[in-house]
PDB file of N, CA and C in Angstrom:
ATOM      1  N   MET A   1     -11.849 121.371  36.545  1.00  0.00           N
ATOM      2  CA  MET A   1     -12.200 120.127  37.400  1.00  0.00           C
ATOM      3  C   MET A   1     -13.198 119.456  36.868  1.00  0.00           C
ATOM      4  N   THR A   2     -13.104 118.165  36.756  1.00  0.00           N
ATOM      5  CA  THR A   2     -14.330 117.315  36.155  1.00  0.00           C
ATOM      6  C   THR A   2     -15.026 116.567  37.145  1.00  0.00           C
ATOM      7  N   LYS A   3     -16.338 116.601  37.072  1.00  0.00           N
ATOM      8  CA  LYS A   3     -17.191 115.981  38.056  1.00  0.00           C
ATOM      9  C   LYS A   3     -17.782 114.683  37.584  1.00  0.00           C
ATOM     10  N   LEU A   4     -17.812 113.658  38.384  1.00  0.00           N
ATOM     11  CA  LEU A   4     -18.212 112.272  37.982  1.00  0.00           C
ATOM     12  C   LEU A   4     -19.784 112.280  38.627  1.00  0.00           C
ATOM     13  N   VAL A   5     -20.400 111.763  37.704  1.00  0.00           N
ATOM     14  CA  VAL A   5     -21.919 111.403  37.966  1.00  0.00           C
ATOM     15  C   VAL A   5     -22.212 110.185  37.586  1.00  0.00           C
ATOM     16  N   TRP A   6     -23.344 109.589  38.034  1.00  0.00           N
ATOM     17  CA  TRP A   6     -23.987 108.323  37.606  1.00  0.00           C
ATOM     18  C   TRP A   6     -24.795 108.419  36.472  1.00  0.00           C
ATOM     19  N   GLU A   7     -24.560 107.483  35.288  1.00  0.00           N
ATOM     20  CA  GLU A   7     -25.312 107.707  34.047  1.00  0.00           C
ATOM     21  C   GLU A   7     -25.439 106.181  33.685  1.00  0.00           C
ATOM     22  N   ASN A   8     -26.772 105.713  33.412  1.00  0.00           N
ATOM     23  CA  ASN A   8     -27.010 104.276  33.042  1.00  0.00           C
ATOM     24  C   ASN A   8     -26.293 103.344  33.895  1.00  0.00           C
ATOM     25  N   ASP A   9     -26.379 103.599  35.092  1.00  0.00           N
ATOM     26  CA  ASP A   9     -25.816 102.760  36.398  1.00  0.00           C
ATOM     27  C   ASP A   9     -24.377 102.597  36.390  1.00  0.00           C
ATOM     28  N   SER A  10     -23.719 103.594  35.661  1.00  0.00           N
ATOM     29  CA  SER A  10     -22.233 103.584  35.482  1.00  0.00           C
ATOM     30  C   SER A  10     -21.755 104.789  36.038  1.00  0.00           C
ATOM     31  N   LEU A  11     -20.495 105.093  36.478  1.00  0.00           N
ATOM     32  CA  LEU A  11     -19.850 106.263  36.665  1.00  0.00           C
ATOM     33  C   LEU A  11     -19.516 106.878  35.408  1.00  0.00           C
ATOM     34  N   ALA A  12     -19.771 108.084  35.123  1.00  0.00           N
ATOM     35  CA  ALA A  12     -19.272 108.779  33.921  1.00  0.00           C
ATOM     36  C   ALA A  12     -18.903 110.279  34.345  1.00  0.00           C
ATOM     37  N   VAL A  13     -18.262 110.798  33.368  1.00  0.00           N
ATOM     38  CA  VAL A  13     -17.673 112.125  33.630  1.00  0.00           C
ATOM     39  C   VAL A  13     -18.813 113.153  33.209  1.00  0.00           C
ATOM     40  N   GLU A  14     -19.146 113.971  33.863  1.00  0.00           N
ATOM     41  CA  GLU A  14     -20.391 115.064  33.498  1.00  0.00           C
ATOM     42  C   GLU A  14     -19.707 115.950  32.154  1.00  0.00           C
ATOM     43  N   ALA A  15     -20.780 116.116  31.464  1.00  0.00           N
ATOM     44  CA  ALA A  15     -20.593 116.580  30.151  1.00  0.00           C
ATOM     45  C   ALA A  15     -20.761 118.241  30.509  1.00  0.00           C
ATOM     46  N   PRO A  16     -19.988 118.943  29.507  1.00  0.00           N
ATOM     47  CA  PRO A  16     -19.966 120.506  29.827  1.00  0.00           C
ATOM     48  C   PRO A  16     -21.561 120.747  29.428  1.00  0.00           C
ATOM     49  N   LYS A  17     -22.023 121.901  30.230  1.00  0.00           N
ATOM     50  CA  LYS A  17     -23.324 122.391  29.897  1.00  0.00           C
ATOM     51  C   LYS A  17     -23.614 122.813  28.558  1.00  0.00           C
ATOM     52  N   ASP A  18     -22.710 123.476  27.989  1.00  0.00           N
ATOM     53  CA  ASP A  18     -23.033 123.833  26.416  1.00  0.00           C
ATOM     54  C   ASP A  18     -22.776 122.675  25.505  1.00  0.00           C
ATOM     55  N   LEU A  19     -22.692 121.701  25.784  1.00  0.00           N
ATOM     56  CA  LEU A  19     -22.537 120.538  24.777  1.00  0.00           C
ATOM     57  C   LEU A  19     -23.842 120.139  24.235  1.00  0.00           C
ATOM     58  N   ARG A  20     -24.178 120.177  23.141  1.00  0.00           N
ATOM     59  CA  ARG A  20     -25.506 119.847  22.363  1.00  0.00           C
ATOM     60  C   ARG A  20     -25.779 118.558  22.113  1.00  0.00           C
ATOM     61  N   SER A  21     -24.710 118.068  21.672  1.00  0.00           N
ATOM     62  CA  SER A  21     -25.092 116.666  21.029  1.00  0.00           C
ATOM     63  C   SER A  21     -23.563 115.917  21.117  1.00  0.00           C
ATOM     64  N   GLY A  22     -23.389 114.674  21.383  1.00  0.00           N
ATOM     65  CA  GLY A  22     -22.183 113.905  21.149  1.00  0.00           C
ATOM     66  C   GLY A  22     -22.062 113.414  19.736  1.00  0.00           C
ATOM     67  N   TRP A  23     -23.112 113.498  18.780  1.00  0.00           N
ATOM     68  CA  TRP A  23     -23.083 113.070  17.460  1.00  0.00           C
ATOM     69  C   TRP A  23     -22.495 114.111  16.738  1.00  0.00           C
ATOM     70  N   HIS A  24     -21.573 113.301  15.673  1.00  0.00           N
ATOM     71  CA  HIS A  24     -20.880 114.285  14.711  1.00  0.00           C
ATOM     72  C   HIS A  24     -21.822 114.414  13.598  1.00  0.00           C
ATOM     73  N   ARG A  25     -22.005 115.751  12.961  1.00  0.00           N
ATOM     74  CA  ARG A  25     -22.862 116.089  11.965  1.00  0.00           C
ATOM     75  C   ARG A  25     -22.219 115.427  10.747  1.00  0.00           C
ATOM     76  N   VAL A  26     -22.918 114.428   9.844  1.00  0.00           N
ATOM     77  CA  VAL A  26     -22.422 113.709   8.868  1.00  0.00           C
ATOM     78  C   VAL A  26     -23.685 114.043   7.645  1.00  0.00           C
ATOM     79  N   PRO A  27     -23.347 113.682   6.514  1.00  0.00           N
ATOM     80  CA  PRO A  27     -24.278 113.894   5.233  1.00  0.00           C
ATOM     81  C   PRO A  27     -25.370 112.667   5.656  1.00  0.00           C
ATOM     82  N   ASN A  28     -26.642 113.245   4.962  1.00  0.00           N
ATOM     83  CA  ASN A  28     -27.609 112.175   5.230  1.00  0.00           C
ATOM     84  C   ASN A  28     -27.422 111.225   3.806  1.00  0.00           C
ATOM     85  N   GLU A  29     -26.932 110.037   4.131  1.00  0.00           N
ATOM     86  CA  GLU A  29     -26.810 109.388   2.890  1.00  0.00           C
ATOM     87  C   GLU A  29     -28.116 108.722   2.390  1.00  0.00           C
ATOM     88  N   GLN A  30     -29.219 108.610   3.123  1.00  0.00           N
ATOM     89  CA  GLN A  30     -30.472 108.098   2.483  1.00  0.00           C
ATOM     90  C   GLN A  30     -30.914 109.129   1.683  1.00  0.00           C
ATOM     91  N   ARG A  31     -30.854 110.462   2.042  1.00  0.00           N
ATOM     92  CA  ARG A  31     -31.432 111.524   1.108  1.00  0.00           C
ATOM     93  C   ARG A  31     -30.495 111.516  -0.224  1.00  0.00           C
ATOM     94  N   LYS A  32     -29.344 111.326  -0.075  1.00  0.00           N
ATOM     95  CA  LYS A  32     -28.395 111.311  -1.263  1.00  0.00           C
ATOM     96  C   LYS A  32     -28.839 110.313  -2.248  1.00  0.00           C
ATOM     97  N   ARG A  33     -29.205 109.155  -1.675  1.00  0.00           N
ATOM     98  CA  ARG A  33     -29.680 108.092  -2.543  1.00  0.00           C
ATOM     99  C   ARG A  33     -30.930 108.337  -3.306  1.00  0.00           C
ATOM    100  N   VAL A  34     -31.798 108.927  -2.585  1.00  0.00           N
ATOM    101  CA  VAL A  34     -33.229 109.291  -3.110  1.00  0.00           C
ATOM    102  C   VAL A  34     -32.946 110.367  -4.188  1.00  0.00           C
ATOM    103  N   GLU A  35     -32.196 111.510  -3.863  1.00  0.00           N
ATOM    104  CA  GLU A  35     -32.005 112.273  -4.894  1.00  0.00           C
ATOM    105  C   GLU A  35     -31.271 111.785  -5.965  1.00  0.00           C
ATOM    106  N   ASN A  36     -30.239 110.843  -5.831  1.00  0.00           N
ATOM    107  CA  ASN A  36     -29.593 110.368  -7.003  1.00  0.00           C
ATOM    108  C   ASN A  36     -30.421 109.434  -7.896  1.00  0.00           C
ATOM    109  N   SER A  37     -31.393 108.753  -7.312  1.00  0.00           N
ATOM    110  CA  SER A  37     -32.127 107.744  -8.067  1.00  0.00           C
ATOM    111  C   SER A  37     -33.405 108.297  -8.649  1.00  0.00           C
ATOM    112  N   SER A  38     -33.745 109.396  -7.976  1.00  0.00           N
ATOM    113  CA  SER A  38     -35.129 110.157  -8.653  1.00  0.00           C
ATOM    114  C   SER A  38     -34.854 111.220  -9.654  1.00  0.00           C
ATOM    115  N   ALA A  39     -35.608 110.749 -10.876  1.00  0.00           N
ATOM    116  CA  ALA A  39     -35.429 111.676 -12.228  1.00  0.00           C
ATOM    117  C   ALA A  39     -35.878 112.994 -11.571  1.00  0.00           C
ATOM    118  N   LEU A  40     -36.715 113.238 -10.869  1.00  0.00           N
ATOM    119  CA  LEU A  40     -37.414 114.461 -10.616  1.00  0.00           C
ATOM    120  C   LEU A  40     -36.331 115.489  -9.995  1.00  0.00           C
ATOM    121  N   TYR A  41     -35.637 114.804  -9.294  1.00  0.00           N
ATOM    122  CA  TYR A  41     -34.535 115.764  -8.436  1.00  0.00           C
ATOM    123  C   TYR A  41     -33.305 116.304  -9.520  1.00  0.00           C
ATOM    124  N   HIS A  42     -33.238 115.436 -10.606  1.00  0.00           N
ATOM    125  CA  HIS A  42     -32.296 115.861 -11.622  1.00  0.00           C
ATOM    126  C   HIS A  42     -32.864 116.829 -12.558  1.00  0.00           C
ATOM    127  N   VAL A  43     -34.289 116.691 -13.041  1.00  0.00           N
ATOM    128  CA  VAL A  43     -34.580 117.591 -13.826  1.00  0.00           C
ATOM    129  C   VAL A  43     -35.066 118.957 -13.045  1.00  0.00           C
ATOM    130  N   GLY A  44     -34.952 119.100 -11.946  1.00  0.00           N
ATOM    131  CA  GLY A  44     -35.323 120.244 -11.142  1.00  0.00           C
ATOM    132  C   GLY A  44     -36.779 120.447 -10.870  1.00  0.00           C
ATOM    133  N   ALA A  45     -37.626 119.233 -10.630  1.00  0.00           N
ATOM    134  CA  ALA A  45     -38.773 119.265 -10.375  1.00  0.00           C
ATOM    135  C   ALA A  45     -39.335 120.129  -8.993  1.00  0.00           C
ATOM    136  N   PHE A  46     -38.235 120.203  -8.437  1.00  0.00           N
ATOM    137  CA  PHE A  46     -38.668 121.113  -6.890  1.00  0.00           C
ATOM    138  C   PHE A  46     -38.051 122.295  -6.738  1.00  0.00           C
ATOM    139  N   THR A  47     -37.819 122.797  -8.100  1.00  0.00           N
ATOM    140  CA  THR A  47     -37.245 124.109  -8.097  1.00  0.00           C
ATOM    141  C   THR A  47     -38.264 125.051  -9.102  1.00  0.00           C
ATOM    142  N   THR A  48     -37.640 126.242  -9.282  1.00  0.00           N
ATOM    143  CA  THR A  48     -38.471 127.242 -10.251  1.00  0.00           C
ATOM    144  C   THR A  48     -38.740 126.437 -11.404  1.00  0.00           C
ATOM    145  N   THR A  49     -37.618 125.772 -11.942  1.00  0.00           N
ATOM    146  CA  THR A  49     -37.719 125.104 -13.368  1.00  0.00           C
ATOM    147  C   THR A  49     -38.783 124.207 -13.218  1.00  0.00           C
ATOM    148  N   GLY A  50     -38.694 123.450 -11.978  1.00  0.00           N
ATOM    149  CA  GLY A  50     -39.838 122.325 -11.789  1.00  0.00           C
ATOM    150  C   GLY A  50     -41.215 122.765 -12.031  1.00  0.00           C
ATOM    151  N   ILE A  51     -41.507 123.987 -11.521  1.00  0.00           N
ATOM    152  CA  ILE A  51     -42.771 124.575 -11.488  1.00  0.00           C
ATOM    153  C   ILE A  51     -43.126 124.920 -12.919  1.00  0.00           C
ATOM    154  N   GLU A  52     -42.073 125.247 -13.832  1.00  0.00           N
ATOM    155  CA  GLU A  52     -42.371 125.529 -15.167  1.00  0.00           C
ATOM    156  C   GLU A  52     -42.726 124.307 -15.821  1.00  0.00           C
ATOM    157  N   LEU A  53     -42.114 123.060 -15.542  1.00  0.00           N
ATOM    158  CA  LEU A  53     -42.420 121.916 -16.133  1.00  0.00           C
ATOM    159  C   LEU A  53     -43.600 121.545 -15.873  1.00  0.00           C
ATOM    160  N   GLN A  54     -44.219 121.773 -14.553  1.00  0.00           N
ATOM    161  CA  GLN A  54     -45.441 121.340 -14.170  1.00  0.00           C
ATOM    162  C   GLN A  54     -46.564 122.097 -14.934  1.00  0.00           C
ATOM    163  N   ARG A  55     -46.404 123.255 -15.027  1.00  0.00           N
ATOM    164  CA  ARG A  55     -47.167 124.193 -15.839  1.00  0.00           C
ATOM    165  C   ARG A  55     -47.489 123.617 -17.286  1.00  0.00           C
ATOM    166  N   LEU A  56     -46.169 123.319 -17.965  1.00  0.00           N
ATOM    167  CA  LEU A  56     -46.205 122.765 -19.292  1.00  0.00           C
ATOM    168  C   LEU A  56     -46.906 121.366 -19.377  1.00  0.00           C
ATOM    169  N   ALA A  57     -46.747 120.590 -18.348  1.00  0.00           N
ATOM    170  CA  ALA A  57     -47.440 119.138 -18.321  1.00  0.00           C
ATOM    171  C   ALA A  57     -48.880 119.559 -18.248  1.00  0.00           C
ATOM    172  N   ASP A  58     -49.395 120.560 -17.460  1.00  0.00           N
ATOM    173  CA  ASP A  58     -50.689 120.706 -17.191  1.00  0.00           C
ATOM    174  C   ASP A  58     -51.355 121.066 -18.356  1.00  0.00           C
ATOM    175  N   ALA A  59     -50.819 122.188 -19.254  1.00  0.00           N
ATOM    176  CA  ALA A  59     -51.232 122.720 -20.414  1.00  0.00           C
ATOM    177  C   ALA A  59     -51.196 121.604 -21.410  1.00  0.00           C
ATOM    178  N   ASP A  60     -50.431 120.587 -21.417  1.00  0.00           N
ATOM    179  CA  ASP A  60     -50.359 119.458 -22.577  1.00  0.00           C
ATOM    180  C   ASP A  60     -51.800 118.727 -22.015  1.00  0.00           C
ATOM    181  N   ARG A  61     -51.771 118.348 -20.771  1.00  0.00           N
ATOM    182  CA  ARG A  61     -53.004 117.513 -20.503  1.00  0.00           C
ATOM    183  C   ARG A  61     -54.284 118.265 -20.816  1.00  0.00           C
ATOM    184  N   GLN A  62     -54.183 119.379 -20.632  1.00  0.00           N
ATOM    185  CA  GLN A  62     -55.698 120.220 -21.140  1.00  0.00           C
ATOM    186  C   GLN A  62     -55.871 120.085 -22.522  1.00  0.00           C
ATOM    187  N   VAL A  63     -54.664 120.327 -23.426  1.00  0.00           N
ATOM    188  CA  VAL A  63     -55.024 120.110 -24.708  1.00  0.00           C
ATOM    189  C   VAL A  63     -55.450 118.730 -25.137  1.00  0.00           C
ATOM    190  N   LYS A  64     -54.771 117.754 -24.561  1.00  0.00           N
ATOM    191  CA  LYS A  64     -55.359 116.404 -24.885  1.00  0.00           C
ATOM    192  C   LYS A  64     -56.661 116.187 -24.404  1.00  0.00           C
ATOM    193  N   GLN A  65     -56.975 116.571 -23.187  1.00  0.00           N
ATOM    194  CA  GLN A  65     -58.536 116.484 -22.944  1.00  0.00           C
ATOM    195  C   GLN A  65     -59.516 117.189 -23.821  1.00  0.00           C
ATOM    196  N   GLN A  66     -59.138 118.469 -24.264  1.00  0.00           N
ATOM    197  CA  GLN A  66     -60.067 119.061 -25.233  1.00  0.00           C
ATOM    198  C   GLN A  66     -60.040 118.464 -26.446  1.00  0.00           C
ATOM    199  N   LYS A  67     -58.912 117.821 -26.981  1.00  0.00           N
ATOM    200  CA  LYS A  67     -59.014 117.098 -28.205  1.00  0.00           C
ATOM    201  C   LYS A  67     -59.831 115.736 -28.198  1.00  0.00           C
ATOM    202  N   LYS A  68     -59.927 115.140 -26.997  1.00  0.00           N
ATOM    203  CA  LYS A  68     -60.855 113.952 -26.832  1.00  0.00           C
ATOM    204  C   LYS A  68     -62.206 114.527 -26.760  1.00  0.00           C
ATOM    205  N   LEU A  69     -62.455 115.456 -26.154  1.00  0.00           N
ATOM    206  CA  LEU A  69     -63.848 116.090 -26.137  1.00  0.00           C
ATOM    207  C   LEU A  69     -64.300 116.497 -27.560  1.00  0.00           C
ATOM    208  N   THR A  70     -63.599 117.112 -28.168  1.00  0.00           N
ATOM    209  CA  THR A  70     -63.714 117.624 -29.655  1.00  0.00           C
ATOM    210  C   THR A  70     -64.076 116.393 -30.569  1.00  0.00           C
ATOM    211  N   ASP A  71     -63.241 115.298 -30.304  1.00  0.00           N
ATOM    212  CA  ASP A  71     -63.452 113.973 -31.153  1.00  0.00           C
ATOM    213  C   ASP A  71     -64.844 113.428 -30.616  1.00  0.00           C
ATOM    214  N   ILE A  72     -65.248 113.375 -29.679  1.00  0.00           N
ATOM    215  CA  ILE A  72     -66.376 112.726 -28.991  1.00  0.00           C
ATOM    216  C   ILE A  72     -67.560 113.767 -29.490  1.00  0.00           C
ATOM    217  N   ILE A  73     -67.502 114.854 -29.583  1.00  0.00           N
ATOM    218  CA  ILE A  73     -68.517 115.743 -30.080  1.00  0.00           C
ATOM    219  C   ILE A  73     -68.796 115.623 -31.479  1.00  0.00           C
ATOM    220  N   ASP A  74     -67.618 115.576 -32.273  1.00  0.00           N
ATOM    221  CA  ASP A  74     -67.622 115.182 -33.713  1.00  0.00           C
ATOM    222  C   ASP A  74     -68.325 113.966 -34.051  1.00  0.00           C
ATOM    223  N   TRP A  75     -67.759 112.942 -33.288  1.00  0.00           N
ATOM    224  CA  TRP A  75     -68.296 111.674 -33.547  1.00  0.00           C
ATOM    225  C   TRP A  75     -70.078 111.527 -33.377  1.00  0.00           C
ATOM    226  N   LEU A  76     -70.515 112.313 -32.250  1.00  0.00           N
ATOM    227  CA  LEU A  76     -72.024 112.534 -32.077  1.00  0.00           C
ATOM    228  C   LEU A  76     -72.636 113.265 -33.282  1.00  0.00           C
ATOM    229  N   ASP A  77     -71.839 114.212 -33.736  1.00  0.00           N
ATOM    230  CA  ASP A  77     -72.620 115.040 -34.822  1.00  0.00           C
ATOM    231  C   ASP A  77     -72.886 114.234 -35.992  1.00  0.00           C
ATOM    232  N   ASP A  78     -71.897 113.162 -36.228  1.00  0.00           N
ATOM    233  CA  ASP A  78     -71.911 112.333 -37.369  1.00  0.00           C
ATOM    234  C   ASP A  78     -72.973 111.232 -37.374  1.00  0.00           C
ATOM    235  N   LEU A  79     -73.582 111.025 -35.885  1.00  0.00           N
ATOM    236  CA  LEU A  79     -74.787 110.224 -35.810  1.00  0.00           C
ATOM    237  C   LEU A  79     -75.788 110.828 -36.534  1.00  0.00           C
TER     238      LEU A  79
END
């Protein structure tokens, strides 16, 4: 038996108590667009492989900084 209730100033059928949402689950299109347009998602920067890529990038940056420091020290020695 259905029960009529007032909802938003109009008469409506009462929803079942176990009903959680009237919205259907659909894929998040905004997230799909971001994933498809971002290169980081394609190379796996947010996975274990991405952690390895970050470690390699940090190591490369440290090597470049050390080379710059060595070049400056060599330049100062030449003075």
